[in-house]
Amino acid sequence: MSSDFQSLGLAPALVRAVADEGYTQPTPIQSQAIPLILAGRDVLAAAQTGTGKTAGFTLPILQRLAAHPHKAAPKTVRALVLAPTRELAAQVEEAVRTYGRHLRVSSAVVFGGVGIVPQIAALKRGLDILVATPGRLLDHVGQRTVDLSKVEVLVLDEADRMLDMGFMPDIKRVLAQLPKKRQNLLFSATFSDEIRALAHGLLHDAATVEVARRNEASALVTQVVHPVAKERKRELLRDLIAQGDWRQVLVFTRMKHGANRLAEQLNKDGLAAAAIHGNKSQGARTRALADFKGGSVRVLVATDIAARGLDIEQLPHVVNYELPNVPEDYVHRIGRTGRAGSPGHAVSLVSPDEYAFLRDIERLLKKPIARVVVPGFEAGKPGTIPVEDERQPARPQQRAAKPHTPVRHAARSAESQRSEHRHARPAEAQPKRSHAAHPPRPAKPAQGAVHSAPRRDRAPRGEDHSDVRSNLPPALQAAFRRTR
């Protein structure tokens, strides 16, 4: 493993740019992947989130393009990086500009949610490096504003996330536009079996780099679970932030409307908060992230769209306000802290109805997460149902028949009465009634015996109906006589 970036074979201009950012020692993924990429190998690389994967592929790509400089033809691209989210795409392109500041390398980023005209203008000039989300890239392909037939290097960043988000058909359409001869790189924090199958069909003579066990959280992140009733989560979160004097907190929810509501409530509590999710415009998302990084927003509430791609220097606290229902997403969430060698703190507020999610996460991590009960916020034991969910609404009492109710609706068979009695509420919940209201169940007749008691819901056969006929209109009485 190389002890510095210069020993990796990087150009002096790249080494200087890395030093400008304060980095002197490459991370394990960088030490192993950069030499392989510089040698022209296809690479399948997996590492913990926050360990420098972006620099692991941007630095050698910049080195390759700088070693063979030539101006890209109009609308063509020399290196293509695909990312699953707008935030991740923007940050990768920012890393390209940061590390390539001392080189003559052109780059651009394209994603949805913003105007397409400036993107068309950037593509028209031709680019050395293009970072894009699959959907917007295919929009440009359809409008013939980009030519992918000259791509020399393809990178799938966070490839497993793209698969989870349903980008596989789009990726295949992009691959159909690329030349067959190219270098392929797949980088991600985790690799599912489906992604490994994709890599098998995409990569050629690939080198595999794994610097951590699959789906393992960073050792720099301290993880803790606070059991708490669901309706008291916001109160506990407010107290943790205020009493702990947390100045920068990234909070994850499962739903977009939940992120909006929580941000509004925290603002009412006096904590500057903003929400970021897929329904927000790109401008609003960019402003919220900039305000959070700048310190004017103390709490950023996000859905899992922000679990990948948010690179915030020395982010101290991540809170799972709601556990994700996909265990792998937990690893990506808490990976927003404990980055670049800095320690991090990951807190999960877990209500009793989420204990199944917690068990799945611990099974993935292959270790339990410490539980710490905050005094005054105790919740039920693992596996129990919250008290408010145990109470069932009282079954309404059977109404007595009103005087004007027809006999045929009010009368019921003895069997139906017995059935209702069997399914009634427990005895302790029933009001006391006299035995007259519930007559004892008659003894079951012996086999072959004849039921002598008439049915209660209709008159016995052979009974005189003259009193009934006399109440009928004359026309119906005549019809009745004809049928007789």
Protein backbone atom coordinates (compact mmCIF):
# COMPACT_ATOMS: atom_id res chain seq x y z
CA MET A 1 0.00 0.00 0.00
CA SER A 2 1.43 3.34 -1.05
CA SER A 3 2.23 5.86 1.67
CA ASP A 4 1.59 8.99 -0.41
CA PHE A 5 -0.16 10.08 -3.60
CA GLN A 6 3.06 10.66 -5.53
CA SER A 7 4.08 7.03 -5.14
CA LEU A 8 0.78 6.01 -6.83
CA GLY A 9 2.10 7.38 -10.11
CA LEU A 10 -0.05 10.49 -10.22
CA ALA A 11 1.11 13.58 -12.09
CA PRO A 12 2.60 16.43 -10.02
CA ALA A 13 -0.37 18.68 -10.87
CA LEU A 14 -2.76 16.14 -9.33
CA VAL A 15 -0.57 15.62 -6.26
CA ARG A 16 -0.52 19.38 -5.74
CA ALA A 17 -4.31 19.63 -6.05
CA VAL A 18 -4.77 16.85 -3.49
CA ALA A 19 -2.34 18.60 -1.14
CA ASP A 20 -4.30 21.84 -1.57
CA GLU A 21 -7.30 20.00 -0.09
CA GLY A 22 -5.26 18.92 2.91
CA TYR A 23 -4.84 15.25 1.99
CA THR A 24 -1.41 13.64 2.24
CA GLN A 25 -2.15 9.93 2.71
CA PRO A 26 -4.33 7.93 0.28
CA THR A 27 -7.11 5.81 1.72
CA PRO A 28 -7.02 2.01 1.26
CA ILE A 29 -9.47 2.11 -1.65
CA GLN A 30 -7.41 4.81 -3.36
CA SER A 31 -4.13 2.96 -2.80
CA GLN A 32 -5.49 -0.21 -4.38
CA ALA A 33 -7.74 1.15 -7.13
CA ILE A 34 -5.70 4.04 -8.58
CA PRO A 35 -2.76 1.92 -9.83
CA LEU A 36 -5.16 -0.58 -11.43
CA ILE A 37 -7.09 2.17 -13.22
CA LEU A 38 -3.89 3.84 -14.38
CA ALA A 39 -2.86 0.47 -15.85
CA GLY A 40 -6.07 0.45 -17.94
CA ARG A 41 -7.81 -2.39 -16.07
CA ASP A 42 -11.57 -2.67 -15.60
CA VAL A 43 -12.25 -2.40 -11.88
CA LEU A 44 -15.06 -3.51 -9.57
CA ALA A 45 -14.48 -1.62 -6.32
CA ALA A 46 -16.39 -1.73 -3.05
CA ALA A 47 -15.57 0.21 0.10
CA GLN A 48 -17.23 1.78 3.09
CA THR A 49 -18.97 5.02 2.33
CA GLY A 50 -16.89 8.07 3.14
CA THR A 51 -13.54 6.43 2.38
CA GLY A 52 -12.63 8.38 -0.75
CA LYS A 53 -14.17 6.39 -3.59
CA THR A 54 -14.80 9.54 -5.66
CA ALA A 55 -11.14 10.53 -5.62
CA GLY A 56 -10.34 6.88 -6.26
CA PHE A 57 -11.70 7.13 -9.81
CA THR A 58 -11.54 10.87 -10.60
CA LEU A 59 -7.78 11.14 -9.99
CA PRO A 60 -6.73 8.34 -12.39
CA ILE A 61 -9.25 9.49 -15.04
CA LEU A 62 -7.78 13.00 -14.90
CA GLN A 63 -4.31 11.46 -15.15
CA ARG A 64 -5.29 9.45 -18.24
CA LEU A 65 -6.88 12.41 -20.02
CA ALA A 66 -3.96 14.70 -19.20
CA ALA A 67 -1.45 12.12 -20.46
CA HIS A 68 -3.22 11.98 -23.86
CA PRO A 69 -4.50 15.53 -24.38
CA HIS A 70 -6.67 16.33 -27.34
CA LYS A 71 -9.69 18.54 -27.71
CA ALA A 72 -12.96 16.65 -27.70
CA ALA A 73 -15.02 17.01 -30.88
CA PRO A 74 -18.30 18.94 -30.59
CA LYS A 75 -20.98 17.05 -28.64
CA THR A 76 -18.57 14.19 -27.84
CA VAL A 77 -17.45 13.01 -24.39
CA ARG A 78 -14.19 11.27 -23.47
CA ALA A 79 -15.13 10.04 -19.97
CA LEU A 80 -18.68 9.44 -18.69
CA VAL A 81 -19.67 9.12 -15.02
CA LEU A 82 -23.24 7.96 -14.23
CA ALA A 83 -24.65 8.73 -10.77
CA PRO A 84 -28.09 7.90 -9.30
CA THR A 85 -28.97 11.28 -7.77
CA ARG A 86 -28.57 14.95 -8.65
CA GLU A 87 -26.67 15.69 -5.44
CA LEU A 88 -24.16 12.93 -6.06
CA ALA A 89 -23.69 13.95 -9.70
CA ALA A 90 -23.07 17.57 -8.67
CA GLN A 91 -20.52 16.57 -6.04
CA VAL A 92 -18.63 14.23 -8.38
CA GLU A 93 -18.33 17.00 -10.96
CA GLU A 94 -17.19 19.36 -8.20
CA ALA A 95 -14.47 16.85 -7.28
CA VAL A 96 -13.40 16.70 -10.94
CA ARG A 97 -12.99 20.49 -11.01
CA THR A 98 -11.24 20.52 -7.62
CA TYR A 99 -8.63 17.87 -8.46
CA GLY A 100 -8.24 19.04 -12.05
CA ARG A 101 -7.74 22.72 -11.24
CA HIS A 102 -4.12 22.61 -12.42
CA LEU A 103 -4.93 20.73 -15.63
CA ARG A 104 -6.63 21.74 -18.86
CA VAL A 105 -9.61 19.43 -18.56
CA SER A 106 -13.20 20.40 -19.39
CA SER A 107 -16.14 18.99 -17.47
CA ALA A 108 -19.89 19.46 -16.98
CA VAL A 109 -22.78 17.91 -15.07
CA VAL A 110 -26.28 17.24 -16.42
CA PHE A 111 -29.34 16.20 -14.41
CA GLY A 112 -33.05 16.86 -14.35
CA GLY A 113 -34.95 19.53 -12.47
CA VAL A 114 -33.06 22.43 -14.07
CA GLY A 115 -33.05 24.10 -17.45
CA ILE A 116 -31.69 22.02 -20.32
CA VAL A 117 -30.50 24.93 -22.52
CA PRO A 118 -27.26 25.65 -20.57
CA GLN A 119 -26.50 21.94 -20.61
CA ILE A 120 -26.92 21.83 -24.39
CA ALA A 121 -24.49 24.73 -24.73
CA ALA A 122 -21.87 22.94 -22.60
CA LEU A 123 -22.25 19.67 -24.52
CA LYS A 124 -22.03 21.42 -27.87
CA ARG A 125 -18.40 22.38 -27.19
CA GLY A 126 -17.37 18.79 -26.42
CA LEU A 127 -16.20 17.62 -22.99
CA ASP A 128 -13.39 15.64 -21.43
CA ILE A 129 -15.55 14.49 -18.51
CA LEU A 130 -19.35 14.41 -18.29
CA VAL A 131 -21.14 13.53 -15.04
CA ALA A 132 -24.83 12.73 -15.49
CA THR A 133 -27.92 11.07 -14.12
CA PRO A 134 -29.26 8.40 -16.52
CA GLY A 135 -32.65 10.00 -17.22
CA ARG A 136 -31.41 13.44 -18.25
CA LEU A 137 -28.54 11.93 -20.24
CA LEU A 138 -31.04 9.93 -22.31
CA ASP A 139 -33.01 13.15 -22.87
CA HIS A 140 -29.89 14.61 -24.49
CA VAL A 141 -29.32 11.44 -26.48
CA GLY A 142 -32.89 11.66 -27.78
CA GLN A 143 -32.38 15.29 -28.79
CA ARG A 144 -29.01 14.45 -30.33
CA THR A 145 -27.23 17.06 -28.25
CA VAL A 146 -24.60 14.56 -27.09
CA ASP A 147 -22.56 11.87 -28.88
CA LEU A 148 -21.44 8.96 -26.70
CA SER A 149 -19.66 7.01 -29.43
CA LYS A 150 -16.23 8.37 -28.39
CA VAL A 151 -16.36 7.53 -24.67
CA GLU A 152 -13.05 6.10 -23.47
CA VAL A 153 -13.92 5.51 -19.79
CA LEU A 154 -17.29 4.65 -18.22
CA VAL A 155 -17.89 4.91 -14.47
CA LEU A 156 -21.00 3.63 -12.70
CA ASP A 157 -20.93 5.33 -9.30
CA GLU A 158 -23.14 3.86 -6.59
CA ALA A 159 -24.19 1.19 -9.05
CA ASP A 160 -26.26 -0.72 -6.51
CA ARG A 161 -28.29 2.40 -5.76
CA MET A 162 -29.03 2.84 -9.45
CA LEU A 163 -30.33 -0.70 -9.54
CA ASP A 164 -32.49 -0.10 -6.46
CA MET A 165 -33.95 3.04 -8.06
CA GLY A 166 -34.94 1.16 -11.21
CA PHE A 167 -32.29 2.66 -13.52
CA MET A 168 -31.29 -0.67 -15.07
CA PRO A 169 -33.30 -0.16 -18.31
CA ASP A 170 -31.83 3.35 -18.67
CA ILE A 171 -28.32 2.07 -18.08
CA LYS A 172 -28.75 -0.55 -20.80
CA ARG A 173 -29.93 2.14 -23.21
CA VAL A 174 -26.86 4.24 -22.38
CA LEU A 175 -24.56 1.24 -22.83
CA ALA A 176 -26.01 0.73 -26.32
CA GLN A 177 -24.71 4.19 -27.26
CA LEU A 178 -21.12 3.53 -26.12
CA PRO A 179 -18.24 2.04 -28.11
CA LYS A 180 -17.41 -1.57 -27.33
CA LYS A 181 -13.78 -0.79 -26.60
CA ARG A 182 -13.59 1.25 -23.40
CA GLN A 183 -12.50 1.06 -19.77
CA ASN A 184 -15.28 0.26 -17.27
CA LEU A 185 -15.26 1.10 -13.56
CA LEU A 186 -17.95 0.19 -11.01
CA PHE A 187 -17.70 1.90 -7.63
CA SER A 188 -20.10 1.53 -4.73
CA ALA A 189 -20.35 1.22 -0.97
CA THR A 190 -22.12 -2.13 -1.32
CA PHE A 191 -22.58 -4.73 -4.03
CA SER A 192 -25.66 -6.90 -4.26
CA ASP A 193 -25.70 -10.17 -6.17
CA GLU A 194 -27.57 -8.38 -8.98
CA ILE A 195 -24.80 -5.81 -9.30
CA ARG A 196 -22.16 -8.53 -9.40
CA ALA A 197 -24.13 -10.14 -12.21
CA LEU A 198 -24.16 -6.78 -14.02
CA ALA A 199 -20.42 -6.44 -13.51
CA HIS A 200 -19.87 -9.90 -14.94
CA GLY A 201 -21.56 -8.90 -18.19
CA LEU A 202 -20.06 -5.41 -18.33
CA LEU A 203 -16.45 -5.71 -17.16
CA HIS A 204 -13.63 -7.44 -19.01
CA ASP A 205 -10.74 -9.03 -17.13
CA ALA A 206 -11.80 -6.99 -14.13
CA ALA A 207 -9.82 -6.50 -10.96
CA THR A 208 -11.89 -6.63 -7.78
CA VAL A 209 -11.06 -4.32 -4.91
CA GLU A 210 -12.81 -4.70 -1.57
CA VAL A 211 -11.31 -2.95 1.40
CA ALA A 212 -14.13 -3.75 3.87
CA ARG A 213 -16.64 -6.46 4.53
CA ARG A 214 -19.80 -6.12 2.48
CA ASN A 215 -22.36 -3.71 4.00
CA GLU A 216 -20.07 -2.89 6.92
CA ALA A 217 -20.46 0.46 8.64
CA SER A 218 -17.43 2.63 9.25
CA ALA A 219 -15.62 1.93 12.52
CA LEU A 220 -15.34 5.69 13.05
CA VAL A 221 -19.11 5.99 13.54
CA THR A 222 -20.52 5.49 17.04
CA GLN A 223 -23.99 3.97 16.75
CA VAL A 224 -26.73 4.12 19.37
CA VAL A 225 -30.45 3.32 19.51
CA HIS A 226 -32.85 5.29 21.70
CA PRO A 227 -36.12 3.37 22.24
CA VAL A 228 -38.99 5.85 22.28
CA ALA A 229 -42.72 5.94 21.69
CA LYS A 230 -43.59 7.00 18.17
CA GLU A 231 -45.58 10.07 19.21
CA ARG A 232 -42.67 11.38 21.32
CA LYS A 233 -39.88 11.16 18.74
CA ARG A 234 -39.95 14.85 17.84
CA GLU A 235 -39.78 15.86 21.50
CA LEU A 236 -36.77 13.58 22.08
CA LEU A 237 -35.02 14.82 18.93
CA ARG A 238 -35.53 18.42 20.02
CA ASP A 239 -34.05 17.70 23.47
CA LEU A 240 -31.06 15.80 22.05
CA ILE A 241 -30.18 18.68 19.72
CA ALA A 242 -30.77 21.44 22.26
CA GLN A 243 -29.23 19.81 25.33
CA GLY A 244 -26.30 18.34 23.39
CA ASP A 245 -25.75 21.67 21.58
CA TRP A 246 -25.59 19.86 18.23
CA ARG A 247 -24.81 22.51 15.65
CA GLN A 248 -25.08 20.40 12.48
CA VAL A 249 -27.49 17.46 12.30
CA LEU A 250 -28.64 15.42 9.30
CA VAL A 251 -32.00 13.76 10.04
CA PHE A 252 -33.51 11.01 7.89
CA THR A 253 -37.21 10.25 7.44
CA ARG A 254 -38.87 7.68 5.18
CA MET A 255 -41.49 9.89 3.53
CA LYS A 256 -41.33 13.29 1.82
CA HIS A 257 -44.34 14.73 3.65
CA GLY A 258 -42.82 13.50 6.92
CA ALA A 259 -39.63 15.45 6.17
CA ASN A 260 -41.61 18.62 5.50
CA ARG A 261 -43.70 18.26 8.65
CA LEU A 262 -40.68 17.55 10.88
CA ALA A 263 -38.76 20.53 9.50
CA GLU A 264 -41.74 22.81 10.16
CA GLN A 265 -42.11 21.52 13.72
CA LEU A 266 -38.41 21.96 14.48
CA ASN A 267 -38.55 25.53 13.20
CA LYS A 268 -41.45 26.18 15.59
CA ASP A 269 -39.27 24.74 18.36
CA GLY A 270 -36.64 27.37 17.61
CA LEU A 271 -34.26 25.09 15.68
CA ALA A 272 -33.41 26.34 12.18
CA ALA A 273 -34.32 23.44 9.89
CA ALA A 274 -34.87 22.73 6.20
CA ALA A 275 -36.14 19.73 4.24
CA ILE A 276 -34.62 18.14 1.16
CA HIS A 277 -36.30 15.45 -0.94
CA GLY A 278 -37.36 14.54 -4.47
CA ASN A 279 -40.41 16.83 -4.61
CA LYS A 280 -38.30 19.91 -3.94
CA SER A 281 -37.08 21.88 -6.93
CA GLN A 282 -33.40 21.59 -7.68
CA GLY A 283 -32.93 25.22 -6.70
CA ALA A 284 -34.56 24.64 -3.31
CA ARG A 285 -32.47 21.52 -2.73
CA THR A 286 -29.26 23.34 -3.64
CA ARG A 287 -30.09 26.29 -1.36
CA ALA A 288 -31.00 24.03 1.57
CA LEU A 289 -27.75 22.09 1.24
CA ALA A 290 -25.69 25.28 0.91
CA ASP A 291 -27.36 26.80 3.99
CA PHE A 292 -26.73 23.60 5.93
CA LYS A 293 -23.06 23.54 4.98
CA GLY A 294 -22.78 27.27 5.72
CA GLY A 295 -24.31 26.94 9.20
CA SER A 296 -27.44 29.06 8.78
CA VAL A 297 -29.51 25.85 8.85
CA ARG A 298 -28.86 23.70 11.90
CA VAL A 299 -30.96 20.65 11.00
CA LEU A 300 -31.34 19.22 7.50
CA VAL A 301 -34.23 16.75 7.24
CA ALA A 302 -33.85 14.43 4.26
CA THR A 303 -35.29 11.33 2.67
CA ASP A 304 -33.05 8.59 1.32
CA ILE A 305 -32.43 10.58 -1.84
CA ALA A 306 -29.74 12.30 0.26
CA ALA A 307 -28.27 9.10 1.71
CA ARG A 308 -25.99 8.83 -1.29
CA GLY A 309 -24.02 11.81 -2.49
CA LEU A 310 -24.11 14.22 0.44
CA ASP A 311 -20.48 14.97 1.17
CA ILE A 312 -20.35 17.32 4.15
CA GLU A 313 -16.97 17.82 5.72
CA GLN A 314 -16.80 16.62 9.32
CA LEU A 315 -20.56 16.17 9.68
CA PRO A 316 -20.81 15.23 13.37
CA HIS A 317 -24.36 13.87 13.76
CA VAL A 318 -26.76 11.71 11.75
CA VAL A 319 -30.17 10.85 13.16
CA ASN A 320 -32.50 8.14 11.88
CA TYR A 321 -35.82 9.69 12.87
CA GLU A 322 -37.39 6.68 11.15
CA LEU A 323 -35.51 3.50 10.35
CA PRO A 324 -35.29 2.59 6.66
CA ASN A 325 -37.18 -0.50 5.57
CA VAL A 326 -34.16 -1.54 3.45
CA PRO A 327 -31.28 -2.48 5.79
CA GLU A 328 -28.57 -1.45 3.31
CA ASP A 329 -29.92 2.11 3.33
CA TYR A 330 -29.01 2.33 7.01
CA VAL A 331 -25.33 1.87 6.12
CA HIS A 332 -25.51 4.66 3.54
CA ARG A 333 -27.36 6.99 5.89
CA ILE A 334 -24.88 6.75 8.74
CA GLY A 335 -22.05 6.87 6.19
CA ARG A 336 -22.70 10.61 5.83
CA THR A 337 -20.78 11.01 9.10
CA GLY A 338 -17.40 9.57 10.09
CA ARG A 339 -15.86 10.58 6.75
CA ALA A 340 -12.25 11.36 5.82
CA GLY A 341 -10.91 10.10 9.14
CA SER A 342 -13.24 12.19 11.33
CA PRO A 343 -15.34 10.51 14.04
CA GLY A 344 -19.13 10.50 13.71
CA HIS A 345 -22.22 9.91 15.80
CA ALA A 346 -25.27 8.03 14.46
CA VAL A 347 -28.48 8.03 16.52
CA SER A 348 -31.61 6.02 15.73
CA LEU A 349 -34.94 6.86 17.37
CA VAL A 350 -36.75 3.52 17.30
CA SER A 351 -40.39 3.03 18.24
CA PRO A 352 -41.78 -0.44 19.05
CA ASP A 353 -43.35 -0.80 15.60
CA GLU A 354 -39.86 -0.52 14.04
CA TYR A 355 -38.15 -3.32 15.96
CA ALA A 356 -38.45 -5.65 12.98
CA PHE A 357 -36.49 -3.14 10.87
CA LEU A 358 -33.90 -2.90 13.65
CA ARG A 359 -33.46 -6.67 13.75
CA ASP A 360 -32.89 -6.72 9.98
CA ILE A 361 -30.26 -3.97 10.26
CA GLU A 362 -28.43 -5.76 13.07
CA ARG A 363 -28.55 -8.98 11.07
CA LEU A 364 -26.93 -7.15 8.14
CA LEU A 365 -24.26 -5.60 10.38
CA LYS A 366 -23.81 -8.94 12.18
CA LYS A 367 -23.72 -7.19 15.53
CA PRO A 368 -26.19 -5.53 17.90
CA ILE A 369 -26.46 -1.77 18.22
CA ALA A 370 -26.25 -0.36 21.74
CA ARG A 371 -29.58 0.64 23.29
CA VAL A 372 -29.67 3.68 25.54
CA VAL A 373 -32.97 4.62 27.17
CA VAL A 374 -33.30 8.36 27.70
CA PRO A 375 -35.02 8.99 31.07
CA GLY A 376 -38.59 10.10 30.56
CA PHE A 377 -38.79 8.66 27.02
CA GLU A 378 -39.06 4.95 27.76
CA ALA A 379 -40.82 2.75 25.20
CA GLY A 380 -42.09 -0.80 25.12
CA LYS A 381 -39.82 -3.80 25.04
CA PRO A 382 -38.55 -5.11 21.66
CA GLY A 383 -41.22 -6.99 19.80
CA THR A 384 -44.12 -5.54 21.77
CA ILE A 385 -46.93 -3.47 20.29
CA PRO A 386 -47.25 0.15 21.39
CA VAL A 387 -49.86 0.61 24.07
CA GLU A 388 -51.90 2.90 21.88
CA ASP A 389 -52.14 0.14 19.26
CA GLU A 390 -53.34 -2.47 21.76
CA ARG A 391 -56.57 -0.66 22.52
CA GLN A 392 -59.35 -1.68 20.18
CA PRO A 393 -62.46 0.45 19.68
CA ALA A 394 -65.36 -0.81 21.71
CA ARG A 395 -67.85 -2.82 19.69
CA PRO A 396 -71.17 -0.94 19.58
CA GLN A 397 -74.01 -2.52 21.51
CA GLN A 398 -76.67 -4.36 19.49
CA ARG A 399 -79.57 -1.94 19.22
CA ALA A 400 -82.94 -3.10 20.46
CA ALA A 401 -85.61 -3.36 17.79
CA LYS A 402 -87.61 -0.19 17.46
CA PRO A 403 -91.41 -0.51 17.81
CA HIS A 404 -91.99 0.15 14.11
CA THR A 405 -89.38 -2.39 12.96
CA PRO A 406 -91.06 -5.22 10.98
CA VAL A 407 -91.14 -8.55 12.73
CA ARG A 408 -89.15 -10.23 9.98
CA HIS A 409 -86.16 -7.89 10.65
CA ALA A 410 -86.31 -8.01 14.43
CA ALA A 411 -86.82 -11.74 14.83
CA ARG A 412 -83.77 -13.94 14.69
CA SER A 413 -83.26 -17.65 14.85
CA ALA A 414 -81.95 -19.27 17.97
CA GLU A 415 -78.87 -20.33 16.02
CA SER A 416 -78.05 -16.73 15.00
CA GLN A 417 -78.41 -15.64 18.63
CA ARG A 418 -76.00 -18.35 19.73
CA SER A 419 -73.50 -17.31 17.01
CA GLU A 420 -73.62 -13.69 18.11
CA HIS A 421 -73.17 -14.70 21.72
CA ARG A 422 -70.05 -16.75 20.84
CA HIS A 423 -68.41 -13.78 19.06
CA ALA A 424 -69.31 -11.16 21.64
CA ARG A 425 -66.72 -9.25 23.66
CA PRO A 426 -65.09 -10.93 26.68
CA ALA A 427 -67.22 -11.18 29.76
CA GLU A 428 -65.31 -8.50 31.66
CA ALA A 429 -66.10 -5.97 28.91
CA GLN A 430 -69.82 -6.84 28.80
CA PRO A 431 -72.37 -4.96 30.89
CA LYS A 432 -74.22 -7.17 33.32
CA ARG A 433 -77.48 -8.46 31.94
CA SER A 434 -80.26 -10.58 33.29
CA HIS A 435 -80.64 -14.19 32.29
CA ALA A 436 -83.87 -13.26 30.55
CA ALA A 437 -81.90 -11.30 27.98
CA HIS A 438 -79.77 -14.37 27.20
CA PRO A 439 -81.81 -17.52 27.61
CA PRO A 440 -79.80 -20.69 28.15
CA ARG A 441 -78.78 -22.59 25.05
CA PRO A 442 -81.28 -25.43 24.49
CA ALA A 443 -79.99 -28.95 24.70
CA LYS A 444 -78.99 -30.50 21.41
CA PRO A 445 -81.62 -33.02 20.32
CA ALA A 446 -80.68 -36.64 20.02
CA GLN A 447 -79.78 -37.99 16.62
CA GLY A 448 -82.88 -38.69 14.55
CA ALA A 449 -85.13 -36.61 16.78
CA VAL A 450 -87.68 -34.31 15.16
CA HIS A 451 -87.54 -30.57 15.95
CA SER A 452 -90.97 -29.85 17.32
CA ALA A 453 -90.41 -26.15 18.02
CA PRO A 454 -91.52 -23.94 15.09
CA ARG A 455 -89.04 -21.52 13.44
CA ARG A 456 -89.35 -18.06 14.90
CA ASP A 457 -88.75 -16.12 11.70
CA ARG A 458 -91.89 -17.36 9.87
CA ALA A 459 -95.31 -18.76 10.69
CA PRO A 460 -95.65 -22.55 11.15
CA ARG A 461 -96.86 -24.49 8.14
CA GLY A 462 -100.62 -24.93 8.06
CA GLU A 463 -101.39 -21.94 10.24
CA ASP A 464 -104.46 -19.88 9.27
CA HIS A 465 -103.50 -16.78 7.24
CA SER A 466 -106.98 -15.30 7.05
CA ASP A 467 -106.05 -12.45 9.38
CA VAL A 468 -103.16 -11.56 7.12
CA ARG A 469 -105.29 -11.75 3.90
CA SER A 470 -107.91 -9.51 5.37
CA ASN A 471 -105.37 -6.69 5.61
CA LEU A 472 -104.45 -6.96 1.91
CA PRO A 473 -105.96 -4.70 -0.81
CA PRO A 474 -108.98 -6.21 -2.67
CA ALA A 475 -106.98 -6.81 -5.86
CA LEU A 476 -104.34 -8.81 -3.99
CA GLN A 477 -107.01 -10.74 -2.10
CA ALA A 478 -108.55 -11.78 -5.46
CA ALA A 479 -105.12 -12.79 -6.80
CA PHE A 480 -104.52 -14.80 -3.65
CA ARG A 481 -107.83 -16.69 -4.11
CA ARG A 482 -106.94 -17.50 -7.75
CA THR A 483 -103.63 -19.03 -6.72
CA ARG A 484 -105.37 -21.15 -4.13
